[in-house]
Amino acid sequence: MDAVFKISAAALTGTLLALILKKQAPEHAMLAVLGCGIVLLFSILELAGDLADAWNRLAAHIPHAGEIAGPLWKATGIAIVTHLSAQLCRDCGQSALGAKVELAGTAACIAVFLPLAEMTFDLIEAML
């Protein structure tokens, strides 16, 4: 919870700095946003590391956790990359292209989860 407030404060600070610099030096405003984005990505990676540690502790108690974790992590990565790419397209004024990126990301997530769905149906079939 604390990390989210820090990330939000850093993003708002970067935004305000970019707005101030935009009138006098647009290239510096872009660099400020880029620098702030890099700092935020490192903060997010730290949170992701904490999430991975929590998953590993939980997975120690779950049978077949490795088979479940693979599709879960892949789909999460696909969702993050898709969202960031689509937002970047929209920020550049290409909303139609952003929608296509989201559609491709959705299809990729479904393809990643199909083996997990198949495993689930096999388990249900074995129970019946």
N, C-alpha and C. Protein backbone atom coordinates (compact mmCIF):
# COMPACT_ATOMS: atom_id res chain seq x y z
N MET A 1 0.83 -1.19 0.00
CA MET A 1 0.00 0.00 0.00
C MET A 1 0.87 1.25 0.00
N ASP A 2 1.91 1.22 0.80
CA ASP A 2 2.83 2.34 0.88
C ASP A 2 3.51 2.60 -0.46
N ALA A 3 3.87 1.51 -1.13
CA ALA A 3 4.56 1.62 -2.42
C ALA A 3 3.67 2.29 -3.47
N VAL A 4 2.38 2.00 -3.42
CA VAL A 4 1.46 2.60 -4.41
C VAL A 4 1.39 4.11 -4.21
N PHE A 5 1.37 4.56 -2.97
CA PHE A 5 1.34 6.00 -2.72
C PHE A 5 2.64 6.66 -3.19
N LYS A 6 3.77 5.99 -2.96
CA LYS A 6 5.06 6.53 -3.41
C LYS A 6 5.11 6.60 -4.93
N ILE A 7 4.64 5.55 -5.58
CA ILE A 7 4.63 5.52 -7.05
C ILE A 7 3.71 6.61 -7.60
N SER A 8 2.54 6.76 -6.99
CA SER A 8 1.60 7.79 -7.44
C SER A 8 2.19 9.19 -7.24
N ALA A 9 2.83 9.40 -6.09
CA ALA A 9 3.44 10.71 -5.83
C ALA A 9 4.55 11.00 -6.83
N ALA A 10 5.37 10.00 -7.14
CA ALA A 10 6.45 10.20 -8.11
C ALA A 10 5.87 10.49 -9.49
N ALA A 11 4.81 9.80 -9.87
CA ALA A 11 4.19 10.03 -11.18
C ALA A 11 3.60 11.43 -11.27
N LEU A 12 2.92 11.86 -10.22
CA LEU A 12 2.34 13.20 -10.23
C LEU A 12 3.43 14.27 -10.24
N THR A 13 4.52 14.04 -9.51
CA THR A 13 5.65 14.98 -9.53
C THR A 13 6.25 15.07 -10.92
N GLY A 14 6.46 13.92 -11.56
CA GLY A 14 6.98 13.92 -12.93
C GLY A 14 6.06 14.61 -13.90
N THR A 15 4.76 14.42 -13.71
CA THR A 15 3.78 15.07 -14.58
C THR A 15 3.81 16.58 -14.42
N LEU A 16 3.83 17.04 -13.17
CA LEU A 16 3.89 18.48 -12.93
C LEU A 16 5.18 19.09 -13.48
N LEU A 17 6.29 18.40 -13.28
CA LEU A 17 7.56 18.88 -13.81
C LEU A 17 7.50 18.97 -15.34
N ALA A 18 6.93 17.96 -15.97
CA ALA A 18 6.80 17.97 -17.42
C ALA A 18 5.91 19.12 -17.90
N LEU A 19 4.83 19.38 -17.18
CA LEU A 19 3.95 20.48 -17.57
C LEU A 19 4.64 21.83 -17.44
N ILE A 20 5.46 21.98 -16.40
CA ILE A 20 6.19 23.23 -16.21
C ILE A 20 7.23 23.41 -17.32
N LEU A 21 7.94 22.33 -17.63
CA LEU A 21 9.00 22.42 -18.63
C LEU A 21 8.48 22.47 -20.07
N LYS A 22 7.27 22.03 -20.29
CA LYS A 22 6.74 21.87 -21.65
C LYS A 22 6.73 23.19 -22.43
N LYS A 23 6.45 24.28 -21.76
CA LYS A 23 6.35 25.56 -22.46
C LYS A 23 7.72 26.09 -22.89
N GLN A 24 8.72 25.96 -22.01
CA GLN A 24 10.03 26.53 -22.33
C GLN A 24 10.94 25.55 -23.06
N ALA A 25 10.91 24.27 -22.67
CA ALA A 25 11.83 23.30 -23.26
C ALA A 25 11.12 21.94 -23.40
N PRO A 26 10.39 21.74 -24.48
CA PRO A 26 9.64 20.49 -24.65
C PRO A 26 10.53 19.25 -24.61
N GLU A 27 11.76 19.37 -25.12
CA GLU A 27 12.65 18.20 -25.11
C GLU A 27 13.05 17.83 -23.68
N HIS A 28 13.17 18.82 -22.81
CA HIS A 28 13.48 18.53 -21.40
C HIS A 28 12.27 17.92 -20.70
N ALA A 29 11.09 18.34 -21.09
CA ALA A 29 9.87 17.77 -20.51
C ALA A 29 9.78 16.29 -20.85
N MET A 30 10.12 15.96 -22.10
CA MET A 30 10.08 14.55 -22.50
C MET A 30 11.10 13.74 -21.71
N LEU A 31 12.30 14.31 -21.50
CA LEU A 31 13.33 13.62 -20.73
C LEU A 31 12.91 13.45 -19.27
N ALA A 32 12.22 14.43 -18.72
CA ALA A 32 11.74 14.33 -17.35
C ALA A 32 10.73 13.19 -17.22
N VAL A 33 9.83 13.11 -18.18
CA VAL A 33 8.83 12.03 -18.16
C VAL A 33 9.51 10.68 -18.34
N LEU A 34 10.47 10.61 -19.24
CA LEU A 34 11.19 9.36 -19.46
C LEU A 34 11.94 8.93 -18.21
N GLY A 35 12.62 9.86 -17.56
CA GLY A 35 13.34 9.54 -16.32
C GLY A 35 12.40 9.10 -15.22
N CYS A 36 11.28 9.78 -15.09
CA CYS A 36 10.28 9.40 -14.09
C CYS A 36 9.72 8.01 -14.40
N GLY A 37 9.49 7.74 -15.65
CA GLY A 37 8.98 6.42 -16.04
C GLY A 37 9.95 5.31 -15.71
N ILE A 38 11.24 5.56 -15.90
CA ILE A 38 12.25 4.54 -15.57
C ILE A 38 12.28 4.29 -14.07
N VAL A 39 12.23 5.36 -13.27
CA VAL A 39 12.20 5.20 -11.81
C VAL A 39 10.97 4.40 -11.39
N LEU A 40 9.83 4.70 -12.01
CA LEU A 40 8.60 3.99 -11.68
C LEU A 40 8.69 2.52 -12.07
N LEU A 41 9.29 2.22 -13.22
CA LEU A 41 9.43 0.82 -13.63
C LEU A 41 10.29 0.03 -12.65
N PHE A 42 11.35 0.64 -12.14
CA PHE A 42 12.17 -0.05 -11.15
C PHE A 42 11.39 -0.29 -9.85
N SER A 43 10.55 0.66 -9.47
CA SER A 43 9.70 0.48 -8.29
C SER A 43 8.70 -0.66 -8.50
N ILE A 44 8.17 -0.72 -9.69
CA ILE A 44 7.20 -1.76 -10.01
C ILE A 44 7.89 -3.13 -10.04
N LEU A 45 9.11 -3.18 -10.55
CA LEU A 45 9.86 -4.44 -10.57
C LEU A 45 10.13 -4.93 -9.15
N GLU A 46 10.37 -4.01 -8.24
CA GLU A 46 10.57 -4.39 -6.84
C GLU A 46 9.28 -5.02 -6.28
N LEU A 47 8.14 -4.43 -6.61
CA LEU A 47 6.86 -5.01 -6.18
C LEU A 47 6.65 -6.39 -6.80
N ALA A 48 7.04 -6.54 -8.06
CA ALA A 48 6.90 -7.83 -8.73
C ALA A 48 7.77 -8.88 -8.05
N GLY A 49 8.94 -8.49 -7.59
CA GLY A 49 9.80 -9.43 -6.86
C GLY A 49 9.15 -9.89 -5.57
N ASP A 50 8.50 -8.97 -4.86
CA ASP A 50 7.78 -9.34 -3.64
C ASP A 50 6.63 -10.29 -3.96
N LEU A 51 5.96 -10.05 -5.08
CA LEU A 51 4.87 -10.92 -5.50
C LEU A 51 5.38 -12.32 -5.83
N ALA A 52 6.51 -12.39 -6.51
CA ALA A 52 7.10 -13.68 -6.86
C ALA A 52 7.49 -14.45 -5.59
N ASP A 53 8.04 -13.76 -4.60
CA ASP A 53 8.39 -14.42 -3.34
C ASP A 53 7.15 -14.97 -2.64
N ALA A 54 6.08 -14.18 -2.63
CA ALA A 54 4.84 -14.64 -2.01
C ALA A 54 4.28 -15.84 -2.76
N TRP A 55 4.35 -15.82 -4.10
CA TRP A 55 3.88 -16.96 -4.89
C TRP A 55 4.68 -18.21 -4.57
N ASN A 56 5.99 -18.08 -4.45
CA ASN A 56 6.83 -19.24 -4.16
C ASN A 56 6.51 -19.85 -2.80
N ARG A 57 6.21 -19.01 -1.82
CA ARG A 57 5.81 -19.53 -0.50
C ARG A 57 4.47 -20.26 -0.59
N LEU A 58 3.55 -19.69 -1.35
CA LEU A 58 2.24 -20.32 -1.52
C LEU A 58 2.35 -21.60 -2.34
N ALA A 59 3.20 -21.58 -3.36
CA ALA A 59 3.33 -22.73 -4.26
C ALA A 59 3.91 -23.95 -3.56
N ALA A 60 4.62 -23.73 -2.47
CA ALA A 60 5.17 -24.86 -1.73
C ALA A 60 4.07 -25.76 -1.16
N HIS A 61 2.87 -25.22 -1.03
CA HIS A 61 1.75 -25.97 -0.45
C HIS A 61 0.75 -26.46 -1.50
N ILE A 62 0.99 -26.14 -2.77
CA ILE A 62 0.04 -26.49 -3.84
C ILE A 62 0.65 -27.55 -4.74
N PRO A 63 -0.05 -28.68 -4.93
CA PRO A 63 0.46 -29.65 -5.90
C PRO A 63 0.34 -29.10 -7.32
N HIS A 64 1.29 -29.43 -8.18
CA HIS A 64 1.33 -28.99 -9.58
C HIS A 64 1.42 -27.47 -9.71
N ALA A 65 2.02 -26.82 -8.72
CA ALA A 65 2.11 -25.36 -8.75
C ALA A 65 2.92 -24.88 -9.95
N GLY A 66 3.95 -25.63 -10.33
CA GLY A 66 4.77 -25.23 -11.47
C GLY A 66 3.98 -25.21 -12.76
N GLU A 67 3.09 -26.17 -12.93
CA GLU A 67 2.27 -26.22 -14.15
C GLU A 67 1.25 -25.09 -14.18
N ILE A 68 0.83 -24.65 -13.02
CA ILE A 68 -0.14 -23.56 -12.94
C ILE A 68 0.56 -22.21 -13.09
N ALA A 69 1.75 -22.10 -12.50
CA ALA A 69 2.45 -20.82 -12.48
C ALA A 69 2.90 -20.38 -13.86
N GLY A 70 3.32 -21.30 -14.70
CA GLY A 70 3.80 -20.93 -16.03
C GLY A 70 2.80 -20.12 -16.82
N PRO A 71 1.61 -20.65 -17.06
CA PRO A 71 0.61 -19.86 -17.79
C PRO A 71 0.20 -18.58 -17.08
N LEU A 72 0.18 -18.63 -15.75
CA LEU A 72 -0.20 -17.43 -15.00
C LEU A 72 0.80 -16.30 -15.22
N TRP A 73 2.09 -16.60 -15.10
CA TRP A 73 3.13 -15.58 -15.28
C TRP A 73 3.19 -15.11 -16.73
N LYS A 74 3.03 -16.04 -17.68
CA LYS A 74 3.06 -15.65 -19.09
C LYS A 74 1.89 -14.72 -19.42
N ALA A 75 0.71 -15.07 -18.95
CA ALA A 75 -0.47 -14.23 -19.22
C ALA A 75 -0.34 -12.87 -18.56
N THR A 76 0.23 -12.84 -17.36
CA THR A 76 0.43 -11.56 -16.69
C THR A 76 1.40 -10.69 -17.48
N GLY A 77 2.49 -11.28 -17.95
CA GLY A 77 3.44 -10.53 -18.77
C GLY A 77 2.83 -10.04 -20.06
N ILE A 78 2.05 -10.90 -20.70
CA ILE A 78 1.38 -10.51 -21.94
C ILE A 78 0.42 -9.35 -21.67
N ALA A 79 -0.33 -9.43 -20.59
CA ALA A 79 -1.29 -8.38 -20.26
C ALA A 79 -0.59 -7.04 -20.01
N ILE A 80 0.52 -7.08 -19.29
CA ILE A 80 1.24 -5.84 -18.99
C ILE A 80 1.81 -5.23 -20.27
N VAL A 81 2.48 -6.04 -21.08
CA VAL A 81 3.07 -5.52 -22.32
C VAL A 81 1.99 -5.02 -23.26
N THR A 82 0.88 -5.75 -23.34
CA THR A 82 -0.22 -5.34 -24.21
C THR A 82 -0.80 -4.01 -23.76
N HIS A 83 -1.04 -3.89 -22.47
CA HIS A 83 -1.62 -2.65 -21.95
C HIS A 83 -0.70 -1.45 -22.21
N LEU A 84 0.58 -1.62 -21.90
CA LEU A 84 1.52 -0.52 -22.12
C LEU A 84 1.62 -0.16 -23.59
N SER A 85 1.67 -1.16 -24.46
CA SER A 85 1.76 -0.89 -25.90
C SER A 85 0.51 -0.20 -26.43
N ALA A 86 -0.64 -0.67 -26.00
CA ALA A 86 -1.90 -0.07 -26.44
C ALA A 86 -2.02 1.38 -25.96
N GLN A 87 -1.62 1.63 -24.72
CA GLN A 87 -1.68 3.00 -24.20
C GLN A 87 -0.71 3.91 -24.95
N LEU A 88 0.45 3.39 -25.29
CA LEU A 88 1.42 4.17 -26.05
C LEU A 88 0.86 4.51 -27.43
N CYS A 89 0.21 3.55 -28.06
CA CYS A 89 -0.43 3.81 -29.35
C CYS A 89 -1.50 4.89 -29.22
N ARG A 90 -2.30 4.81 -28.17
CA ARG A 90 -3.35 5.81 -27.96
C ARG A 90 -2.75 7.18 -27.68
N ASP A 91 -1.67 7.22 -26.90
CA ASP A 91 -1.02 8.50 -26.61
C ASP A 91 -0.47 9.15 -27.87
N CYS A 92 -0.12 8.33 -28.85
CA CYS A 92 0.39 8.84 -30.13
C CYS A 92 -0.74 9.14 -31.11
N GLY A 93 -1.98 8.99 -30.67
CA GLY A 93 -3.13 9.29 -31.52
C GLY A 93 -3.58 8.14 -32.40
N GLN A 94 -3.11 6.96 -32.14
CA GLN A 94 -3.45 5.79 -32.96
C GLN A 94 -4.34 4.83 -32.15
N SER A 95 -5.55 5.25 -31.83
CA SER A 95 -6.43 4.44 -31.00
C SER A 95 -6.84 3.14 -31.69
N ALA A 96 -6.99 3.16 -33.00
CA ALA A 96 -7.35 1.93 -33.73
C ALA A 96 -6.23 0.90 -33.62
N LEU A 97 -5.00 1.36 -33.72
CA LEU A 97 -3.87 0.47 -33.58
C LEU A 97 -3.78 -0.09 -32.15
N GLY A 98 -4.08 0.77 -31.17
CA GLY A 98 -4.11 0.32 -29.78
C GLY A 98 -5.14 -0.77 -29.56
N ALA A 99 -6.30 -0.63 -30.20
CA ALA A 99 -7.34 -1.66 -30.08
C ALA A 99 -6.88 -2.98 -30.68
N LYS A 100 -6.15 -2.91 -31.79
CA LYS A 100 -5.63 -4.14 -32.42
C LYS A 100 -4.58 -4.82 -31.53
N VAL A 101 -3.77 -4.00 -30.86
CA VAL A 101 -2.77 -4.55 -29.94
C VAL A 101 -3.48 -5.28 -28.79
N GLU A 102 -4.55 -4.68 -28.27
CA GLU A 102 -5.31 -5.31 -27.19
C GLU A 102 -5.96 -6.61 -27.66
N LEU A 103 -6.46 -6.64 -28.87
CA LEU A 103 -7.06 -7.85 -29.42
C LEU A 103 -6.01 -8.95 -29.54
N ALA A 104 -4.83 -8.59 -30.03
CA ALA A 104 -3.75 -9.57 -30.15
C ALA A 104 -3.32 -10.08 -28.77
N GLY A 105 -3.26 -9.20 -27.79
CA GLY A 105 -2.92 -9.60 -26.43
C GLY A 105 -3.94 -10.55 -25.83
N THR A 106 -5.20 -10.28 -26.09
CA THR A 106 -6.26 -11.16 -25.61
C THR A 106 -6.14 -12.55 -26.22
N ALA A 107 -5.90 -12.60 -27.52
CA ALA A 107 -5.73 -13.89 -28.19
C ALA A 107 -4.51 -14.63 -27.65
N ALA A 108 -3.43 -13.91 -27.38
CA ALA A 108 -2.22 -14.54 -26.84
C ALA A 108 -2.48 -15.09 -25.44
N CYS A 109 -3.23 -14.37 -24.61
CA CYS A 109 -3.55 -14.86 -23.27
C CYS A 109 -4.41 -16.12 -23.33
N ILE A 110 -5.36 -16.14 -24.23
CA ILE A 110 -6.20 -17.33 -24.38
C ILE A 110 -5.35 -18.51 -24.82
N ALA A 111 -4.44 -18.28 -25.75
CA ALA A 111 -3.57 -19.36 -26.22
C ALA A 111 -2.68 -19.89 -25.09
N VAL A 112 -2.25 -19.01 -24.21
CA VAL A 112 -1.39 -19.42 -23.09
C VAL A 112 -2.19 -20.25 -22.09
N PHE A 113 -3.46 -19.91 -21.90
CA PHE A 113 -4.26 -20.61 -20.90
C PHE A 113 -4.93 -21.88 -21.41
N LEU A 114 -4.92 -22.13 -22.69
CA LEU A 114 -5.56 -23.35 -23.21
C LEU A 114 -5.00 -24.64 -22.60
N PRO A 115 -3.68 -24.78 -22.46
CA PRO A 115 -3.17 -26.00 -21.81
C PRO A 115 -3.64 -26.13 -20.37
N LEU A 116 -3.77 -25.02 -19.67
CA LEU A 116 -4.26 -25.06 -18.29
C LEU A 116 -5.73 -25.47 -18.25
N ALA A 117 -6.52 -24.98 -19.19
CA ALA A 117 -7.92 -25.38 -19.27
C ALA A 117 -8.03 -26.86 -19.60
N GLU A 118 -7.18 -27.34 -20.50
CA GLU A 118 -7.18 -28.76 -20.85
C GLU A 118 -6.84 -29.62 -19.62
N MET A 119 -5.86 -29.18 -18.85
CA MET A 119 -5.48 -29.90 -17.64
C MET A 119 -6.63 -29.91 -16.63
N THR A 120 -7.36 -28.81 -16.54
CA THR A 120 -8.50 -28.73 -15.63
C THR A 120 -9.60 -29.70 -16.05
N PHE A 121 -9.90 -29.74 -17.35
CA PHE A 121 -10.93 -30.66 -17.83
C PHE A 121 -10.51 -32.11 -17.64
N ASP A 122 -9.24 -32.41 -17.83
CA ASP A 122 -8.74 -33.78 -17.58
C ASP A 122 -8.91 -34.16 -16.11
N LEU A 123 -8.65 -33.20 -15.24
CA LEU A 123 -8.82 -33.47 -13.80
C LEU A 123 -10.28 -33.71 -13.45
N ILE A 124 -11.17 -32.92 -14.03
CA ILE A 124 -12.61 -33.11 -13.78
C ILE A 124 -13.07 -34.45 -14.33
N GLU A 125 -12.59 -34.80 -15.51
CA GLU A 125 -12.94 -36.09 -16.11
C GLU A 125 -12.46 -37.25 -15.25
N ALA A 126 -11.27 -37.12 -14.69
CA ALA A 126 -10.75 -38.18 -13.83
C ALA A 126 -11.56 -38.32 -12.55
N MET A 127 -12.13 -37.22 -12.06
CA MET A 127 -12.96 -37.28 -10.85
C MET A 127 -14.30 -37.95 -11.11
N LEU A 128 -14.80 -37.81 -12.33
CA LEU A 128 -16.12 -38.38 -12.65
C LEU A 128 -15.95 -39.81 -12.97
